[in-house]
Amino acid sequence: MGWVADTVHSVKSIQFRQFLTQLLTLGLIVTSALIVWKGLMCITGSDSPVVVVLSGSMEPGFQRGDILFLSMSKDPIRAGEIVVFNLDGRDIPIVHRVIEVHQRKDIKETYILTKGDNNPADDRALYNHGQHWLQQHHIMGRAVGFLPYVGWATIIMTEKPILKYILIGALGVLIFTSKE
């Protein structure tokens, strides 16, 4: 009987070690993703170095689902650049082109007006009530590169949250049931 008990104990010990290994692997994956994100933040100078285009307002240049890579530099923003900005009190950033820039040298402030390439008018209707210009603190970054259509996974999971939970659940099941 001692041999059976030792075997059962060994099997349980191996299963527990496999579970701990899989848990550690999951932790390393999550930690690696966070390190990459923080590294990109340091390199680009932007709090959000990667964004997904969520609407067709920048067509034909950028399509819905394109991923943009952002960077912040000390250079002044110029008309014609594509920027990503976030308005006070709103969660979702907007990707549009700068069409006008006014600089007030007396107070060292820059006023920026944007417009979506596919929109008929400037963005003043999108800005908060009484706001006619963006200021530097609204700008999250300048577009420096893009990957077409790669952001569709994000859009689909945002529009259909149940898919996000199914995907996370499936990944969790795969991690904890995989054998090494």
N, C-alpha and C. Protein backbone atom coordinates (compact mmCIF):
# COMPACT_ATOMS: atom_id res chain seq x y z
N MET A 1 0.81 -1.19 0.00
CA MET A 1 0.00 0.00 0.00
C MET A 1 0.86 1.26 0.00
N GLY A 2 2.05 1.20 0.58
CA GLY A 2 2.93 2.35 0.65
C GLY A 2 3.39 2.80 -0.72
N TRP A 3 3.59 1.83 -1.64
CA TRP A 3 4.02 2.16 -2.98
C TRP A 3 2.93 2.94 -3.72
N VAL A 4 1.68 2.58 -3.57
CA VAL A 4 0.55 3.26 -4.21
C VAL A 4 0.42 4.68 -3.67
N ALA A 5 0.53 4.83 -2.35
CA ALA A 5 0.43 6.16 -1.74
C ALA A 5 1.57 7.05 -2.22
N ASP A 6 2.79 6.50 -2.32
CA ASP A 6 3.93 7.29 -2.81
C ASP A 6 3.72 7.70 -4.26
N THR A 7 3.16 6.81 -5.08
CA THR A 7 2.90 7.10 -6.49
C THR A 7 1.86 8.20 -6.62
N VAL A 8 0.77 8.10 -5.87
CA VAL A 8 -0.29 9.12 -5.90
C VAL A 8 0.28 10.46 -5.46
N HIS A 9 1.10 10.45 -4.40
CA HIS A 9 1.72 11.68 -3.92
C HIS A 9 2.64 12.27 -4.98
N SER A 10 3.41 11.43 -5.68
CA SER A 10 4.32 11.90 -6.73
C SER A 10 3.55 12.51 -7.89
N VAL A 11 2.44 11.87 -8.28
CA VAL A 11 1.62 12.39 -9.38
C VAL A 11 1.03 13.74 -9.00
N LYS A 12 0.51 13.86 -7.77
CA LYS A 12 -0.05 15.13 -7.32
C LYS A 12 1.03 16.21 -7.25
N SER A 13 2.22 15.82 -6.82
CA SER A 13 3.33 16.77 -6.74
C SER A 13 3.73 17.26 -8.13
N ILE A 14 3.75 16.36 -9.11
CA ILE A 14 4.08 16.72 -10.49
C ILE A 14 3.01 17.64 -11.06
N GLN A 15 1.74 17.32 -10.83
CA GLN A 15 0.64 18.15 -11.31
C GLN A 15 0.72 19.54 -10.70
N PHE A 16 1.03 19.61 -9.42
CA PHE A 16 1.13 20.91 -8.74
C PHE A 16 2.28 21.72 -9.35
N ARG A 17 3.41 21.07 -9.60
CA ARG A 17 4.55 21.76 -10.22
C ARG A 17 4.20 22.25 -11.62
N GLN A 18 3.49 21.43 -12.39
CA GLN A 18 3.07 21.85 -13.73
C GLN A 18 2.14 23.05 -13.64
N PHE A 19 1.23 23.04 -12.69
CA PHE A 19 0.32 24.16 -12.49
C PHE A 19 1.11 25.42 -12.14
N LEU A 20 2.07 25.31 -11.23
CA LEU A 20 2.90 26.47 -10.86
C LEU A 20 3.71 26.97 -12.05
N THR A 21 4.23 26.05 -12.86
CA THR A 21 5.00 26.43 -14.05
C THR A 21 4.12 27.19 -15.03
N GLN A 22 2.91 26.70 -15.24
CA GLN A 22 1.99 27.35 -16.15
C GLN A 22 1.57 28.73 -15.63
N LEU A 23 1.36 28.83 -14.33
CA LEU A 23 1.02 30.11 -13.71
C LEU A 23 2.18 31.09 -13.86
N LEU A 24 3.40 30.61 -13.65
CA LEU A 24 4.58 31.44 -13.82
C LEU A 24 4.73 31.88 -15.27
N THR A 25 4.47 31.00 -16.22
CA THR A 25 4.53 31.33 -17.64
C THR A 25 3.53 32.43 -17.98
N LEU A 26 2.32 32.31 -17.47
CA LEU A 26 1.30 33.35 -17.69
C LEU A 26 1.78 34.68 -17.12
N GLY A 27 2.33 34.66 -15.92
CA GLY A 27 2.85 35.87 -15.30
C GLY A 27 3.97 36.50 -16.11
N LEU A 28 4.85 35.67 -16.67
CA LEU A 28 5.94 36.17 -17.50
C LEU A 28 5.43 36.81 -18.80
N ILE A 29 4.39 36.22 -19.39
CA ILE A 29 3.81 36.78 -20.61
C ILE A 29 3.22 38.16 -20.33
N VAL A 30 2.45 38.26 -19.25
CA VAL A 30 1.84 39.53 -18.90
C VAL A 30 2.91 40.57 -18.56
N THR A 31 3.90 40.17 -17.78
CA THR A 31 4.98 41.07 -17.41
C THR A 31 5.77 41.52 -18.64
N SER A 32 6.04 40.62 -19.56
CA SER A 32 6.76 40.98 -20.78
C SER A 32 5.99 42.00 -21.60
N ALA A 33 4.68 41.81 -21.71
CA ALA A 33 3.85 42.77 -22.45
C ALA A 33 3.91 44.15 -21.80
N LEU A 34 3.84 44.19 -20.49
CA LEU A 34 3.92 45.48 -19.78
C LEU A 34 5.28 46.13 -19.96
N ILE A 35 6.34 45.34 -19.93
CA ILE A 35 7.69 45.89 -20.12
C ILE A 35 7.84 46.46 -21.53
N VAL A 36 7.34 45.75 -22.53
CA VAL A 36 7.40 46.25 -23.91
C VAL A 36 6.64 47.56 -24.02
N TRP A 37 5.43 47.61 -23.44
CA TRP A 37 4.60 48.83 -23.50
C TRP A 37 5.33 50.00 -22.82
N LYS A 38 5.87 49.78 -21.63
CA LYS A 38 6.59 50.85 -20.92
C LYS A 38 7.84 51.26 -21.69
N GLY A 39 8.52 50.30 -22.31
CA GLY A 39 9.69 50.62 -23.12
C GLY A 39 9.32 51.50 -24.30
N LEU A 40 8.20 51.16 -24.97
CA LEU A 40 7.73 51.99 -26.08
C LEU A 40 7.37 53.39 -25.60
N MET A 41 6.78 53.48 -24.41
CA MET A 41 6.44 54.80 -23.86
C MET A 41 7.71 55.63 -23.67
N CYS A 42 8.77 55.02 -23.16
CA CYS A 42 10.03 55.74 -22.93
C CYS A 42 10.68 56.14 -24.25
N ILE A 43 10.68 55.25 -25.22
CA ILE A 43 11.32 55.52 -26.50
C ILE A 43 10.58 56.60 -27.28
N THR A 44 9.25 56.53 -27.31
CA THR A 44 8.47 57.46 -28.13
C THR A 44 8.13 58.76 -27.41
N GLY A 45 8.18 58.76 -26.09
CA GLY A 45 7.80 59.95 -25.33
C GLY A 45 6.30 60.15 -25.27
N SER A 46 5.54 59.15 -25.66
CA SER A 46 4.08 59.24 -25.66
C SER A 46 3.50 58.28 -24.62
N ASP A 47 2.46 58.73 -23.92
CA ASP A 47 1.79 57.85 -22.97
C ASP A 47 1.03 56.73 -23.66
N SER A 48 0.74 56.92 -24.92
CA SER A 48 0.04 55.91 -25.70
C SER A 48 0.76 55.76 -27.04
N PRO A 49 1.80 54.93 -27.10
CA PRO A 49 2.62 54.85 -28.31
C PRO A 49 1.96 54.13 -29.49
N VAL A 50 0.87 53.43 -29.24
CA VAL A 50 0.17 52.70 -30.30
C VAL A 50 -1.33 52.94 -30.12
N VAL A 51 -2.02 53.32 -31.22
CA VAL A 51 -3.47 53.49 -31.18
C VAL A 51 -4.08 52.85 -32.42
N VAL A 52 -5.36 52.54 -32.31
CA VAL A 52 -6.12 51.95 -33.42
C VAL A 52 -7.04 53.01 -33.98
N VAL A 53 -7.08 53.13 -35.30
CA VAL A 53 -8.01 54.05 -35.96
C VAL A 53 -9.41 53.44 -35.86
N LEU A 54 -10.33 54.17 -35.24
CA LEU A 54 -11.66 53.62 -34.96
C LEU A 54 -12.75 54.06 -35.92
N SER A 55 -12.47 55.07 -36.75
CA SER A 55 -13.51 55.56 -37.66
C SER A 55 -12.92 55.77 -39.05
N GLY A 56 -13.77 56.15 -39.97
CA GLY A 56 -13.34 56.39 -41.34
C GLY A 56 -13.02 57.84 -41.62
N SER A 57 -12.86 58.65 -40.58
CA SER A 57 -12.66 60.09 -40.78
C SER A 57 -11.34 60.45 -41.44
N MET A 58 -10.37 59.53 -41.46
CA MET A 58 -9.08 59.82 -42.07
C MET A 58 -8.87 59.08 -43.40
N GLU A 59 -9.94 58.52 -43.95
CA GLU A 59 -9.81 57.84 -45.24
C GLU A 59 -9.55 58.87 -46.32
N PRO A 60 -8.82 58.57 -47.33
CA PRO A 60 -8.27 57.27 -47.69
C PRO A 60 -6.91 57.00 -47.07
N GLY A 61 -6.31 57.96 -46.38
CA GLY A 61 -4.98 57.79 -45.81
C GLY A 61 -4.90 56.66 -44.81
N PHE A 62 -5.81 56.67 -43.86
CA PHE A 62 -5.87 55.62 -42.85
C PHE A 62 -7.28 55.06 -42.83
N GLN A 63 -7.36 53.75 -42.79
CA GLN A 63 -8.65 53.06 -42.76
C GLN A 63 -8.98 52.66 -41.33
N ARG A 64 -10.24 52.42 -41.09
CA ARG A 64 -10.67 51.89 -39.80
C ARG A 64 -9.95 50.55 -39.58
N GLY A 65 -9.35 50.39 -38.40
CA GLY A 65 -8.63 49.17 -38.09
C GLY A 65 -7.13 49.27 -38.26
N ASP A 66 -6.64 50.36 -38.85
CA ASP A 66 -5.19 50.54 -38.97
C ASP A 66 -4.62 50.84 -37.57
N ILE A 67 -3.41 50.37 -37.33
CA ILE A 67 -2.71 50.70 -36.08
C ILE A 67 -1.70 51.80 -36.40
N LEU A 68 -1.72 52.85 -35.59
CA LEU A 68 -0.76 53.96 -35.74
C LEU A 68 0.27 53.90 -34.64
N PHE A 69 1.51 54.18 -35.00
CA PHE A 69 2.59 54.30 -34.02
C PHE A 69 2.83 55.79 -33.80
N LEU A 70 2.86 56.18 -32.55
CA LEU A 70 2.96 57.60 -32.20
C LEU A 70 4.30 57.92 -31.58
N SER A 71 4.67 59.18 -31.72
CA SER A 71 5.87 59.68 -31.07
C SER A 71 5.62 61.13 -30.69
N MET A 72 6.24 61.55 -29.62
CA MET A 72 6.21 62.96 -29.22
C MET A 72 7.62 63.49 -29.35
N SER A 73 7.75 64.66 -29.93
CA SER A 73 9.06 65.28 -30.02
C SER A 73 8.94 66.72 -29.55
N LYS A 74 10.06 67.32 -29.35
CA LYS A 74 10.09 68.71 -28.88
C LYS A 74 9.82 69.69 -30.02
N ASP A 75 9.89 69.21 -31.27
CA ASP A 75 9.65 70.08 -32.41
C ASP A 75 8.22 70.61 -32.38
N PRO A 76 8.04 71.86 -32.82
CA PRO A 76 6.68 72.40 -32.84
C PRO A 76 5.79 71.64 -33.82
N ILE A 77 4.53 71.56 -33.50
CA ILE A 77 3.56 70.90 -34.37
C ILE A 77 3.29 71.81 -35.55
N ARG A 78 3.22 71.21 -36.74
CA ARG A 78 3.02 71.97 -37.96
C ARG A 78 1.73 71.53 -38.66
N ALA A 79 1.17 72.44 -39.43
CA ALA A 79 0.01 72.11 -40.25
C ALA A 79 0.40 70.98 -41.20
N GLY A 80 -0.50 70.04 -41.38
CA GLY A 80 -0.26 68.89 -42.26
C GLY A 80 0.11 67.63 -41.52
N GLU A 81 0.58 67.76 -40.28
CA GLU A 81 0.93 66.57 -39.50
C GLU A 81 -0.34 65.87 -39.01
N ILE A 82 -0.23 64.57 -38.85
CA ILE A 82 -1.34 63.79 -38.29
C ILE A 82 -1.04 63.58 -36.82
N VAL A 83 -2.00 64.00 -35.99
CA VAL A 83 -1.83 63.88 -34.54
C VAL A 83 -2.97 63.06 -33.96
N VAL A 84 -2.70 62.54 -32.78
CA VAL A 84 -3.73 61.88 -31.99
C VAL A 84 -3.94 62.76 -30.77
N PHE A 85 -5.18 63.13 -30.52
CA PHE A 85 -5.47 64.00 -29.38
C PHE A 85 -6.60 63.43 -28.55
N ASN A 86 -6.62 63.86 -27.31
CA ASN A 86 -7.65 63.42 -26.38
C ASN A 86 -8.25 64.67 -25.76
N LEU A 87 -9.55 64.77 -25.82
CA LEU A 87 -10.25 65.91 -25.25
C LEU A 87 -10.55 65.67 -23.78
N ASP A 88 -10.55 66.74 -23.01
CA ASP A 88 -10.83 66.64 -21.58
C ASP A 88 -12.20 65.99 -21.36
N GLY A 89 -12.24 65.01 -20.47
CA GLY A 89 -13.49 64.34 -20.13
C GLY A 89 -13.90 63.24 -21.09
N ARG A 90 -13.09 62.93 -22.07
CA ARG A 90 -13.41 61.86 -23.02
C ARG A 90 -12.33 60.80 -22.98
N ASP A 91 -12.74 59.56 -23.15
CA ASP A 91 -11.81 58.43 -23.04
C ASP A 91 -11.15 58.05 -24.35
N ILE A 92 -11.83 58.28 -25.46
CA ILE A 92 -11.36 57.76 -26.74
C ILE A 92 -10.59 58.85 -27.49
N PRO A 93 -9.33 58.57 -27.84
CA PRO A 93 -8.55 59.55 -28.60
C PRO A 93 -9.03 59.65 -30.05
N ILE A 94 -8.69 60.75 -30.69
CA ILE A 94 -9.09 61.03 -32.07
C ILE A 94 -7.83 61.21 -32.92
N VAL A 95 -7.85 60.63 -34.12
CA VAL A 95 -6.75 60.74 -35.08
C VAL A 95 -7.19 61.69 -36.19
N HIS A 96 -6.56 62.87 -36.27
CA HIS A 96 -6.88 63.82 -37.34
C HIS A 96 -5.66 64.62 -37.75
N ARG A 97 -5.79 65.35 -38.83
CA ARG A 97 -4.70 66.15 -39.38
C ARG A 97 -4.77 67.58 -38.83
N VAL A 98 -3.61 68.14 -38.56
CA VAL A 98 -3.52 69.54 -38.13
C VAL A 98 -3.70 70.42 -39.37
N ILE A 99 -4.66 71.35 -39.31
CA ILE A 99 -4.88 72.23 -40.46
C ILE A 99 -4.46 73.68 -40.17
N GLU A 100 -4.37 74.04 -38.89
CA GLU A 100 -3.92 75.39 -38.53
C GLU A 100 -3.18 75.35 -37.21
N VAL A 101 -2.16 76.17 -37.11
CA VAL A 101 -1.40 76.30 -35.87
C VAL A 101 -1.18 77.78 -35.61
N HIS A 102 -1.51 78.22 -34.41
CA HIS A 102 -1.26 79.61 -33.99
C HIS A 102 -0.41 79.56 -32.74
N GLN A 103 0.65 80.35 -32.75
CA GLN A 103 1.51 80.39 -31.57
C GLN A 103 1.46 81.78 -30.96
N ARG A 104 1.22 81.80 -29.66
CA ARG A 104 1.26 83.06 -28.91
C ARG A 104 2.58 83.09 -28.17
N LYS A 105 3.48 83.92 -28.62
CA LYS A 105 4.81 83.97 -28.04
C LYS A 105 4.82 84.64 -26.67
N ASP A 106 3.83 85.52 -26.42
CA ASP A 106 3.81 86.22 -25.14
C ASP A 106 3.54 85.26 -23.98
N ILE A 107 2.78 84.19 -24.22
CA ILE A 107 2.53 83.21 -23.15
C ILE A 107 3.06 81.82 -23.51
N LYS A 108 3.78 81.74 -24.62
CA LYS A 108 4.38 80.47 -25.08
C LYS A 108 3.35 79.35 -25.17
N GLU A 109 2.23 79.64 -25.79
CA GLU A 109 1.16 78.66 -25.94
C GLU A 109 0.89 78.46 -27.43
N THR A 110 0.61 77.23 -27.80
CA THR A 110 0.29 76.89 -29.18
C THR A 110 -1.17 76.47 -29.26
N TYR A 111 -1.87 77.01 -30.25
CA TYR A 111 -3.26 76.65 -30.48
C TYR A 111 -3.34 75.89 -31.80
N ILE A 112 -4.04 74.76 -31.76
CA ILE A 112 -4.04 73.82 -32.88
C ILE A 112 -5.48 73.54 -33.30
N LEU A 113 -5.71 73.55 -34.61
CA LEU A 113 -7.01 73.20 -35.16
C LEU A 113 -6.82 71.96 -36.04
N THR A 114 -7.72 70.98 -35.88
CA THR A 114 -7.60 69.72 -36.61
C THR A 114 -8.82 69.46 -37.47
N LYS A 115 -8.68 68.48 -38.36
CA LYS A 115 -9.78 68.08 -39.23
C LYS A 115 -9.50 66.67 -39.74
N GLY A 116 -10.52 65.85 -39.80
CA GLY A 116 -10.39 64.54 -40.43
C GLY A 116 -10.36 64.72 -41.93
N ASP A 117 -9.47 64.00 -42.62
CA ASP A 117 -9.33 64.14 -44.07
C ASP A 117 -10.64 63.87 -44.80
N ASN A 118 -11.47 63.00 -44.25
CA ASN A 118 -12.72 62.60 -44.90
C ASN A 118 -13.92 63.39 -44.36
N ASN A 119 -13.67 64.38 -43.52
CA ASN A 119 -14.75 65.19 -42.95
C ASN A 119 -14.89 66.51 -43.71
N PRO A 120 -16.12 67.03 -43.83
CA PRO A 120 -16.31 68.27 -44.59
C PRO A 120 -15.86 69.54 -43.85
N ALA A 121 -15.80 69.50 -42.53
CA ALA A 121 -15.47 70.72 -41.76
C ALA A 121 -14.42 70.40 -40.70
N ASP A 122 -13.86 71.47 -40.13
CA ASP A 122 -12.87 71.28 -39.07
C ASP A 122 -13.51 70.67 -37.83
N ASP A 123 -12.68 70.40 -36.82
CA ASP A 123 -13.13 69.64 -35.65
C ASP A 123 -13.75 70.47 -34.52
N ARG A 124 -13.98 71.74 -34.74
CA ARG A 124 -14.53 72.55 -33.65
C ARG A 124 -15.83 71.97 -33.10
N ALA A 125 -16.61 71.32 -33.94
CA ALA A 125 -17.86 70.70 -33.47
C ALA A 125 -17.58 69.49 -32.56
N LEU A 126 -16.39 68.88 -32.70
CA LEU A 126 -16.02 67.74 -31.85
C LEU A 126 -15.47 68.19 -30.50
N TYR A 127 -14.85 69.36 -30.48
CA TYR A 127 -14.22 69.84 -29.25
C TYR A 127 -15.29 70.10 -28.19
N ASN A 128 -14.86 70.21 -26.96
CA ASN A 128 -15.78 70.48 -25.85
C ASN A 128 -16.46 71.84 -26.05
N HIS A 129 -17.61 72.00 -25.41
CA HIS A 129 -18.40 73.23 -25.52
C HIS A 129 -17.54 74.45 -25.19
N GLY A 130 -17.53 75.41 -26.09
CA GLY A 130 -16.76 76.63 -25.88
C GLY A 130 -15.30 76.52 -26.26
N GLN A 131 -14.84 75.34 -26.64
CA GLN A 131 -13.44 75.15 -27.01
C GLN A 131 -13.33 75.29 -28.53
N HIS A 132 -12.40 76.15 -28.97
CA HIS A 132 -12.21 76.37 -30.40
C HIS A 132 -10.87 75.87 -30.91
N TRP A 133 -9.96 75.56 -30.00
CA TRP A 133 -8.63 75.12 -30.37
C TRP A 133 -8.17 74.01 -29.42
N LEU A 134 -7.25 73.21 -29.91
CA LEU A 134 -6.55 72.27 -29.03
C LEU A 134 -5.30 72.96 -28.53
N GLN A 135 -4.83 72.51 -27.38
CA GLN A 135 -3.56 72.99 -26.87
C GLN A 135 -2.62 71.80 -26.76
N GLN A 136 -1.37 72.08 -26.49
CA GLN A 136 -0.34 71.03 -26.47
C GLN A 136 -0.71 69.87 -25.54
N HIS A 137 -1.35 70.14 -24.40
CA HIS A 137 -1.65 69.06 -23.46
C HIS A 137 -2.71 68.10 -23.99
N HIS A 138 -3.43 68.47 -25.03
CA HIS A 138 -4.41 67.57 -25.65
C HIS A 138 -3.74 66.55 -26.57
N ILE A 139 -2.56 66.87 -27.08
CA ILE A 139 -1.89 66.04 -28.07
C ILE A 139 -1.21 64.85 -27.39
N MET A 140 -1.55 63.65 -27.84
CA MET A 140 -0.97 62.42 -27.31
C MET A 140 0.26 62.00 -28.10
N GLY A 141 0.32 62.39 -29.36
CA GLY A 141 1.45 62.02 -30.18
C GLY A 141 1.20 62.31 -31.65
N ARG A 142 2.25 62.17 -32.42
CA ARG A 142 2.20 62.35 -33.87
C ARG A 142 2.34 60.98 -34.51
N ALA A 143 1.61 60.76 -35.58
CA ALA A 143 1.71 59.49 -36.29
C ALA A 143 3.05 59.42 -37.02
N VAL A 144 3.81 58.35 -36.75
CA VAL A 144 5.11 58.17 -37.41
C VAL A 144 5.15 56.88 -38.23
N GLY A 145 4.12 56.08 -38.14
CA GLY A 145 4.06 54.84 -38.90
C GLY A 145 2.73 54.15 -38.66
N PHE A 146 2.42 53.16 -39.49
CA PHE A 146 1.16 52.44 -39.30
C PHE A 146 1.24 51.03 -39.87
N LEU A 147 0.35 50.19 -39.36
CA LEU A 147 0.16 48.84 -39.89
C LEU A 147 -1.31 48.74 -40.32
N PRO A 148 -1.56 48.47 -41.58
CA PRO A 148 -2.96 48.42 -42.02
C PRO A 148 -3.72 47.22 -41.47
N TYR A 149 -4.94 47.48 -41.03
CA TYR A 149 -5.93 46.47 -40.64
C TYR A 149 -5.61 45.64 -39.40
N VAL A 150 -4.46 45.76 -38.82
CA VAL A 150 -4.06 44.92 -37.69
C VAL A 150 -4.91 45.22 -36.45
N GLY A 151 -5.48 46.39 -36.36
CA GLY A 151 -6.27 46.77 -35.19
C GLY A 151 -7.70 46.27 -35.20
N TRP A 152 -8.08 45.53 -36.22
CA TRP A 152 -9.46 45.03 -36.27
C TRP A 152 -9.79 44.12 -35.09
N ALA A 153 -8.80 43.40 -34.59
CA ALA A 153 -9.06 42.54 -33.43
C ALA A 153 -9.51 43.40 -32.25
N THR A 154 -8.88 44.53 -32.05
CA THR A 154 -9.27 45.43 -30.96
C THR A 154 -10.68 45.97 -31.19
N ILE A 155 -10.98 46.38 -32.40
CA ILE A 155 -12.30 46.93 -32.70
C ILE A 155 -13.38 45.88 -32.46
N ILE A 156 -13.15 44.67 -32.94
CA ILE A 156 -14.14 43.60 -32.77
C ILE A 156 -14.37 43.30 -31.29
N MET A 157 -13.28 43.23 -30.51
CA MET A 157 -13.44 42.93 -29.08
C MET A 157 -14.09 44.08 -28.33
N THR A 158 -13.92 45.31 -28.81
CA THR A 158 -14.57 46.45 -28.18
C THR A 158 -16.06 46.48 -28.50
N GLU A 159 -16.39 46.19 -29.75
CA GLU A 159 -17.78 46.23 -30.18
C GLU A 159 -18.57 45.00 -29.73
N LYS A 160 -17.90 43.88 -29.55
CA LYS A 160 -18.53 42.63 -29.10
C LYS A 160 -17.77 42.12 -27.87
N PRO A 161 -18.04 42.71 -26.68
CA PRO A 161 -17.26 42.36 -25.49
C PRO A 161 -17.30 40.87 -25.13
N ILE A 162 -18.34 40.17 -25.50
CA ILE A 162 -18.43 38.75 -25.18
C ILE A 162 -17.28 38.00 -25.83
N LEU A 163 -16.85 38.43 -27.02
CA LEU A 163 -15.72 37.78 -27.70
C LEU A 163 -14.42 37.96 -26.92
N LYS A 164 -14.28 39.11 -26.26
CA LYS A 164 -13.08 39.35 -25.45
C LYS A 164 -13.03 38.36 -24.29
N TYR A 165 -14.15 38.14 -23.64
CA TYR A 165 -14.19 37.22 -22.51
C TYR A 165 -14.00 35.77 -22.96
N ILE A 166 -14.55 35.43 -24.11
CA ILE A 166 -14.35 34.08 -24.65
C ILE A 166 -12.87 33.86 -24.98
N LEU A 167 -12.24 34.85 -25.59
CA LEU A 167 -10.82 34.74 -25.94
C LEU A 167 -9.95 34.62 -24.70
N ILE A 168 -10.20 35.46 -23.71
CA ILE A 168 -9.41 35.39 -22.46
C ILE A 168 -9.62 34.05 -21.78
N GLY A 169 -10.87 33.59 -21.74
CA GLY A 169 -11.15 32.29 -21.14
C GLY A 169 -10.47 31.15 -21.87
N ALA A 170 -10.51 31.19 -23.20
CA ALA A 170 -9.87 30.15 -24.00
C ALA A 170 -8.35 30.15 -23.79
N LEU A 171 -7.75 31.33 -23.74
CA LEU A 171 -6.31 31.41 -23.49
C LEU A 171 -5.97 30.86 -22.10
N GLY A 172 -6.80 31.18 -21.11
CA GLY A 172 -6.57 30.65 -19.76
C GLY A 172 -6.66 29.14 -19.73
N VAL A 173 -7.66 28.59 -20.40
CA VAL A 173 -7.81 27.13 -20.46
C VAL A 173 -6.61 26.50 -21.16
N LEU A 174 -6.17 27.10 -22.26
CA LEU A 174 -5.01 26.57 -22.98
C LEU A 174 -3.76 26.60 -22.12
N ILE A 175 -3.56 27.66 -21.39
CA ILE A 175 -2.36 27.77 -20.57
C ILE A 175 -2.37 26.71 -19.45
N PHE A 176 -3.52 26.54 -18.81
CA PHE A 176 -3.57 25.63 -17.67
C PHE A 176 -3.76 24.17 -18.06
N THR A 177 -4.09 23.90 -19.31
CA THR A 177 -4.24 22.50 -19.71
C THR A 177 -3.12 22.01 -20.61
N SER A 178 -2.24 22.91 -21.00
CA SER A 178 -1.14 22.48 -21.88
C SER A 178 -0.10 21.70 -21.09
N LYS A 179 0.48 20.73 -21.74
CA LYS A 179 1.54 19.92 -21.14
C LYS A 179 2.85 20.36 -21.76
N GLU A 180 3.90 20.30 -20.98
CA GLU A 180 5.21 20.71 -21.51
C GLU A 180 5.96 19.55 -22.07
